[in-house]
Amino acid sequence: RAGHWDAAIESLHESDSLEGSVGSAYNAFFLAMAYWQIGNHDEARKWYDQAVRWMDEKMPDDEELLRFRTEAAALLEINETPPETKEDAKSKGKPSDMSTKDTGSRQQRIGVP
């Protein structure tokens, strides 16, 4: 985010190799954004897609990853609406464990107007 894209790419790849976490979404979203910033859009999209697959499979509800995903999608001009976080649902007044349609039917069953 400081504009040192080549150094960021190198550091992120080194981090993956040292930690053995190649393929995780954490570094992959940032790799996608860094590659985009240096004009390598194909490589950026590859890393973005890899991050989304990893996230959807392993940590689909992680709020930090959802924020990274949203930031990367905006930069890469990807028209995508990632899943809503629990925090987003709370701020909109939605119950986190049931839909409003389901709530209505439950209220009717127990006699609540």
N, C-alpha and C. Protein backbone atom coordinates (compact mmCIF):
# COMPACT_ATOMS: atom_id res chain seq x y z
N ARG A 1 0.81 -1.20 0.00
CA ARG A 1 0.00 0.00 0.00
C ARG A 1 0.85 1.26 0.00
N ALA A 2 2.12 1.10 0.25
CA ALA A 2 3.03 2.25 0.27
C ALA A 2 3.62 2.54 -1.10
N GLY A 3 3.27 1.75 -2.10
CA GLY A 3 3.75 2.00 -3.45
C GLY A 3 5.00 1.25 -3.85
N HIS A 4 5.53 0.42 -3.00
CA HIS A 4 6.72 -0.38 -3.31
C HIS A 4 6.28 -1.76 -3.79
N TRP A 5 5.70 -1.80 -4.96
CA TRP A 5 5.01 -3.00 -5.44
C TRP A 5 5.95 -4.17 -5.68
N ASP A 6 7.08 -3.92 -6.33
CA ASP A 6 8.03 -5.02 -6.61
C ASP A 6 8.57 -5.62 -5.31
N ALA A 7 8.90 -4.77 -4.36
CA ALA A 7 9.39 -5.25 -3.06
C ALA A 7 8.30 -6.02 -2.33
N ALA A 8 7.07 -5.54 -2.43
CA ALA A 8 5.95 -6.23 -1.78
C ALA A 8 5.76 -7.62 -2.37
N ILE A 9 5.82 -7.71 -3.68
CA ILE A 9 5.66 -9.01 -4.35
C ILE A 9 6.74 -9.97 -3.89
N GLU A 10 7.97 -9.50 -3.88
CA GLU A 10 9.08 -10.35 -3.46
C GLU A 10 8.90 -10.80 -2.00
N SER A 11 8.53 -9.89 -1.13
CA SER A 11 8.35 -10.22 0.29
C SER A 11 7.20 -11.19 0.51
N LEU A 12 6.12 -11.01 -0.21
CA LEU A 12 4.96 -11.90 -0.07
C LEU A 12 5.30 -13.32 -0.54
N HIS A 13 6.00 -13.42 -1.66
CA HIS A 13 6.42 -14.74 -2.14
C HIS A 13 7.39 -15.39 -1.15
N GLU A 14 8.31 -14.61 -0.61
CA GLU A 14 9.26 -15.14 0.38
C GLU A 14 8.53 -15.60 1.64
N SER A 15 7.57 -14.82 2.08
CA SER A 15 6.77 -15.18 3.25
C SER A 15 6.05 -16.51 3.05
N ASP A 16 5.45 -16.68 1.88
CA ASP A 16 4.78 -17.94 1.57
C ASP A 16 5.74 -19.12 1.64
N SER A 17 6.91 -18.95 1.07
CA SER A 17 7.86 -20.07 1.05
C SER A 17 8.40 -20.38 2.43
N LEU A 18 8.63 -19.36 3.24
CA LEU A 18 9.15 -19.59 4.60
C LEU A 18 8.11 -20.23 5.52
N GLU A 19 6.87 -19.82 5.37
CA GLU A 19 5.81 -20.32 6.24
C GLU A 19 5.15 -21.57 5.69
N GLY A 20 5.46 -21.92 4.49
CA GLY A 20 4.82 -23.09 3.89
C GLY A 20 3.35 -22.88 3.64
N SER A 21 2.93 -21.64 3.51
CA SER A 21 1.51 -21.34 3.34
C SER A 21 1.16 -20.98 1.91
N VAL A 22 1.89 -21.53 0.97
CA VAL A 22 1.63 -21.23 -0.44
C VAL A 22 0.18 -21.59 -0.75
N GLY A 23 -0.53 -20.63 -1.31
CA GLY A 23 -1.91 -20.89 -1.68
C GLY A 23 -2.92 -20.30 -0.73
N SER A 24 -2.49 -19.78 0.43
CA SER A 24 -3.47 -19.19 1.33
C SER A 24 -3.94 -17.85 0.79
N ALA A 25 -5.11 -17.45 1.22
CA ALA A 25 -5.71 -16.23 0.70
C ALA A 25 -5.07 -14.97 1.25
N TYR A 26 -4.48 -15.04 2.44
CA TYR A 26 -3.94 -13.82 3.05
C TYR A 26 -2.94 -13.13 2.14
N ASN A 27 -1.88 -13.80 1.76
CA ASN A 27 -0.89 -13.18 0.88
C ASN A 27 -1.40 -13.06 -0.54
N ALA A 28 -2.24 -13.99 -0.98
CA ALA A 28 -2.68 -14.00 -2.38
C ALA A 28 -3.49 -12.75 -2.74
N PHE A 29 -4.34 -12.26 -1.84
CA PHE A 29 -5.08 -11.04 -2.16
C PHE A 29 -4.12 -9.86 -2.33
N PHE A 30 -3.09 -9.80 -1.46
CA PHE A 30 -2.13 -8.70 -1.58
C PHE A 30 -1.23 -8.87 -2.81
N LEU A 31 -0.90 -10.10 -3.15
CA LEU A 31 -0.16 -10.33 -4.39
C LEU A 31 -0.98 -9.87 -5.59
N ALA A 32 -2.26 -10.17 -5.57
CA ALA A 32 -3.14 -9.73 -6.66
C ALA A 32 -3.11 -8.21 -6.80
N MET A 33 -3.21 -7.52 -5.67
CA MET A 33 -3.23 -6.06 -5.73
C MET A 33 -1.87 -5.50 -6.18
N ALA A 34 -0.80 -6.09 -5.70
CA ALA A 34 0.53 -5.60 -6.09
C ALA A 34 0.80 -5.84 -7.58
N TYR A 35 0.45 -7.03 -8.06
CA TYR A 35 0.64 -7.30 -9.50
C TYR A 35 -0.20 -6.35 -10.34
N TRP A 36 -1.41 -6.04 -9.89
CA TRP A 36 -2.26 -5.11 -10.63
C TRP A 36 -1.59 -3.74 -10.71
N GLN A 37 -1.01 -3.31 -9.59
CA GLN A 37 -0.39 -1.98 -9.55
C GLN A 37 0.80 -1.85 -10.49
N ILE A 38 1.50 -2.96 -10.77
CA ILE A 38 2.63 -2.86 -11.70
C ILE A 38 2.20 -3.15 -13.14
N GLY A 39 0.91 -3.35 -13.35
CA GLY A 39 0.39 -3.53 -14.70
C GLY A 39 0.32 -4.96 -15.18
N ASN A 40 0.62 -5.92 -14.32
CA ASN A 40 0.55 -7.34 -14.71
C ASN A 40 -0.84 -7.87 -14.32
N HIS A 41 -1.83 -7.51 -15.12
CA HIS A 41 -3.22 -7.81 -14.79
C HIS A 41 -3.55 -9.30 -14.85
N ASP A 42 -2.93 -10.03 -15.76
CA ASP A 42 -3.18 -11.48 -15.83
C ASP A 42 -2.70 -12.18 -14.56
N GLU A 43 -1.52 -11.82 -14.11
CA GLU A 43 -0.98 -12.41 -12.88
C GLU A 43 -1.82 -11.99 -11.67
N ALA A 44 -2.28 -10.75 -11.68
CA ALA A 44 -3.14 -10.26 -10.60
C ALA A 44 -4.42 -11.08 -10.52
N ARG A 45 -5.02 -11.32 -11.67
CA ARG A 45 -6.27 -12.08 -11.68
C ARG A 45 -6.04 -13.52 -11.25
N LYS A 46 -4.91 -14.09 -11.62
CA LYS A 46 -4.57 -15.46 -11.21
C LYS A 46 -4.51 -15.55 -9.68
N TRP A 47 -3.81 -14.60 -9.05
CA TRP A 47 -3.68 -14.61 -7.59
C TRP A 47 -5.01 -14.33 -6.91
N TYR A 48 -5.80 -13.43 -7.48
CA TYR A 48 -7.12 -13.14 -6.92
C TYR A 48 -8.00 -14.39 -6.95
N ASP A 49 -8.05 -15.06 -8.08
CA ASP A 49 -8.88 -16.26 -8.22
C ASP A 49 -8.41 -17.35 -7.26
N GLN A 50 -7.09 -17.50 -7.11
CA GLN A 50 -6.55 -18.50 -6.18
C GLN A 50 -6.97 -18.17 -4.74
N ALA A 51 -6.90 -16.88 -4.38
CA ALA A 51 -7.28 -16.46 -3.03
C ALA A 51 -8.76 -16.74 -2.77
N VAL A 52 -9.60 -16.45 -3.75
CA VAL A 52 -11.04 -16.67 -3.59
C VAL A 52 -11.34 -18.16 -3.41
N ARG A 53 -10.70 -19.01 -4.22
CA ARG A 53 -10.91 -20.46 -4.08
C ARG A 53 -10.51 -20.95 -2.68
N TRP A 54 -9.33 -20.52 -2.24
CA TRP A 54 -8.83 -20.93 -0.92
C TRP A 54 -9.78 -20.44 0.17
N MET A 55 -10.17 -19.19 0.08
CA MET A 55 -11.05 -18.61 1.09
C MET A 55 -12.41 -19.30 1.12
N ASP A 56 -13.00 -19.50 -0.05
CA ASP A 56 -14.32 -20.13 -0.11
C ASP A 56 -14.29 -21.54 0.47
N GLU A 57 -13.17 -22.24 0.28
CA GLU A 57 -13.06 -23.61 0.76
C GLU A 57 -12.72 -23.69 2.25
N LYS A 58 -11.84 -22.81 2.73
CA LYS A 58 -11.30 -22.98 4.07
C LYS A 58 -11.80 -21.98 5.11
N MET A 59 -12.05 -20.75 4.71
CA MET A 59 -12.42 -19.72 5.68
C MET A 59 -13.42 -18.73 5.08
N PRO A 60 -14.59 -19.20 4.66
CA PRO A 60 -15.51 -18.32 3.94
C PRO A 60 -16.11 -17.20 4.78
N ASP A 61 -16.11 -17.33 6.10
CA ASP A 61 -16.73 -16.32 6.96
C ASP A 61 -15.73 -15.41 7.66
N ASP A 62 -14.45 -15.52 7.31
CA ASP A 62 -13.43 -14.72 7.97
C ASP A 62 -13.57 -13.26 7.57
N GLU A 63 -13.86 -12.41 8.55
CA GLU A 63 -14.15 -11.01 8.26
C GLU A 63 -12.94 -10.25 7.71
N GLU A 64 -11.74 -10.59 8.19
CA GLU A 64 -10.55 -9.93 7.67
C GLU A 64 -10.34 -10.28 6.20
N LEU A 65 -10.48 -11.56 5.86
CA LEU A 65 -10.33 -11.98 4.47
C LEU A 65 -11.41 -11.35 3.59
N LEU A 66 -12.63 -11.23 4.12
CA LEU A 66 -13.70 -10.58 3.35
C LEU A 66 -13.34 -9.13 3.03
N ARG A 67 -12.71 -8.44 3.98
CA ARG A 67 -12.28 -7.06 3.71
C ARG A 67 -11.18 -7.03 2.65
N PHE A 68 -10.20 -7.95 2.75
CA PHE A 68 -9.14 -8.01 1.74
C PHE A 68 -9.73 -8.32 0.37
N ARG A 69 -10.68 -9.25 0.35
CA ARG A 69 -11.31 -9.65 -0.91
C ARG A 69 -12.04 -8.47 -1.55
N THR A 70 -12.76 -7.72 -0.74
CA THR A 70 -13.50 -6.56 -1.25
C THR A 70 -12.54 -5.51 -1.79
N GLU A 71 -11.45 -5.26 -1.07
CA GLU A 71 -10.46 -4.28 -1.52
C GLU A 71 -9.81 -4.73 -2.83
N ALA A 72 -9.43 -5.99 -2.92
CA ALA A 72 -8.80 -6.51 -4.14
C ALA A 72 -9.77 -6.47 -5.31
N ALA A 73 -11.01 -6.87 -5.09
CA ALA A 73 -12.00 -6.86 -6.17
C ALA A 73 -12.22 -5.45 -6.70
N ALA A 74 -12.25 -4.47 -5.82
CA ALA A 74 -12.44 -3.08 -6.25
C ALA A 74 -11.25 -2.63 -7.10
N LEU A 75 -10.05 -2.92 -6.65
CA LEU A 75 -8.86 -2.50 -7.39
C LEU A 75 -8.78 -3.19 -8.75
N LEU A 76 -9.08 -4.49 -8.78
CA LEU A 76 -9.00 -5.26 -10.02
C LEU A 76 -10.22 -5.07 -10.91
N GLU A 77 -11.13 -4.21 -10.46
CA GLU A 77 -12.36 -3.91 -11.21
C GLU A 77 -13.18 -5.16 -11.48
N ILE A 78 -13.27 -6.00 -10.45
CA ILE A 78 -14.06 -7.23 -10.52
C ILE A 78 -15.41 -6.92 -9.90
N ASN A 79 -16.45 -7.10 -10.67
CA ASN A 79 -17.80 -6.84 -10.19
C ASN A 79 -18.29 -8.05 -9.42
N GLU A 80 -18.04 -8.04 -8.14
CA GLU A 80 -18.39 -9.18 -7.30
C GLU A 80 -18.89 -8.67 -5.96
N THR A 81 -19.89 -9.32 -5.44
CA THR A 81 -20.34 -9.01 -4.10
C THR A 81 -19.99 -10.19 -3.22
N PRO A 82 -18.95 -10.03 -2.38
CA PRO A 82 -18.58 -11.15 -1.52
C PRO A 82 -19.65 -11.39 -0.46
N PRO A 83 -19.63 -12.54 0.18
CA PRO A 83 -20.61 -12.83 1.21
C PRO A 83 -20.62 -11.76 2.29
N GLU A 84 -21.79 -11.53 2.86
CA GLU A 84 -21.94 -10.52 3.90
C GLU A 84 -21.32 -11.02 5.21
N THR A 85 -20.61 -10.13 5.89
CA THR A 85 -20.04 -10.50 7.17
C THR A 85 -21.10 -10.42 8.26
N LYS A 86 -20.84 -11.05 9.39
CA LYS A 86 -21.75 -10.96 10.52
C LYS A 86 -21.86 -9.51 10.98
N GLU A 87 -20.75 -8.79 10.90
CA GLU A 87 -20.73 -7.39 11.29
C GLU A 87 -21.65 -6.57 10.38
N ASP A 88 -21.64 -6.84 9.07
CA ASP A 88 -22.51 -6.15 8.13
C ASP A 88 -23.97 -6.43 8.46
N ALA A 89 -24.27 -7.68 8.77
CA ALA A 89 -25.65 -8.05 9.08
C ALA A 89 -26.13 -7.32 10.33
N LYS A 90 -25.27 -7.22 11.33
CA LYS A 90 -25.64 -6.51 12.57
C LYS A 90 -25.91 -5.04 12.29
N SER A 91 -25.06 -4.42 11.47
CA SER A 91 -25.22 -3.00 11.21
C SER A 91 -26.50 -2.71 10.42
N LYS A 92 -27.00 -3.70 9.72
CA LYS A 92 -28.24 -3.54 8.96
C LYS A 92 -29.45 -4.00 9.77
N GLY A 93 -29.20 -4.45 11.01
CA GLY A 93 -30.29 -4.88 11.86
C GLY A 93 -30.85 -6.24 11.52
N LYS A 94 -30.08 -7.03 10.78
CA LYS A 94 -30.54 -8.37 10.41
C LYS A 94 -30.14 -9.37 11.48
N PRO A 95 -31.01 -10.33 11.79
CA PRO A 95 -30.58 -11.40 12.70
C PRO A 95 -29.50 -12.22 12.01
N SER A 96 -28.49 -12.65 12.77
CA SER A 96 -27.38 -13.35 12.15
C SER A 96 -27.65 -14.83 11.93
N ASP A 97 -28.64 -15.40 12.60
CA ASP A 97 -28.83 -16.84 12.49
C ASP A 97 -30.11 -17.24 11.78
N MET A 98 -30.91 -16.29 11.30
CA MET A 98 -32.13 -16.65 10.58
C MET A 98 -32.55 -15.51 9.68
N SER A 99 -33.29 -15.84 8.65
CA SER A 99 -33.75 -14.81 7.73
C SER A 99 -35.00 -14.14 8.30
N THR A 100 -35.31 -12.95 7.80
CA THR A 100 -36.49 -12.26 8.29
C THR A 100 -37.76 -13.00 7.88
N LYS A 101 -37.74 -13.67 6.75
CA LYS A 101 -38.90 -14.46 6.33
C LYS A 101 -39.14 -15.58 7.34
N ASP A 102 -38.08 -16.27 7.75
CA ASP A 102 -38.20 -17.34 8.73
C ASP A 102 -38.69 -16.79 10.06
N THR A 103 -38.21 -15.61 10.46
CA THR A 103 -38.63 -14.99 11.70
C THR A 103 -40.13 -14.75 11.68
N GLY A 104 -40.64 -14.26 10.56
CA GLY A 104 -42.07 -14.01 10.46
C GLY A 104 -42.88 -15.27 10.65
N SER A 105 -42.49 -16.36 10.04
CA SER A 105 -43.26 -17.60 10.17
C SER A 105 -43.19 -18.14 11.59
N ARG A 106 -42.07 -17.96 12.28
CA ARG A 106 -41.96 -18.40 13.67
C ARG A 106 -42.87 -17.57 14.55
N GLN A 107 -42.94 -16.27 14.30
CA GLN A 107 -43.81 -15.41 15.09
C GLN A 107 -45.26 -15.83 14.91
N GLN A 108 -45.63 -16.16 13.68
CA GLN A 108 -47.01 -16.57 13.43
C GLN A 108 -47.33 -17.87 14.15
N ARG A 109 -46.39 -18.82 14.18
CA ARG A 109 -46.63 -20.10 14.84
C ARG A 109 -46.83 -19.97 16.33
N ILE A 110 -46.17 -18.98 16.96
CA ILE A 110 -46.33 -18.84 18.41
C ILE A 110 -47.35 -17.79 18.77
N GLY A 111 -48.03 -17.22 17.79
CA GLY A 111 -49.13 -16.31 18.04
C GLY A 111 -48.71 -14.87 18.29
N VAL A 112 -47.54 -14.49 17.85
CA VAL A 112 -47.09 -13.10 17.99
C VAL A 112 -47.52 -12.34 16.75
N PRO A 113 -48.22 -11.21 16.93
CA PRO A 113 -48.69 -10.45 15.75
C PRO A 113 -47.58 -9.84 14.95
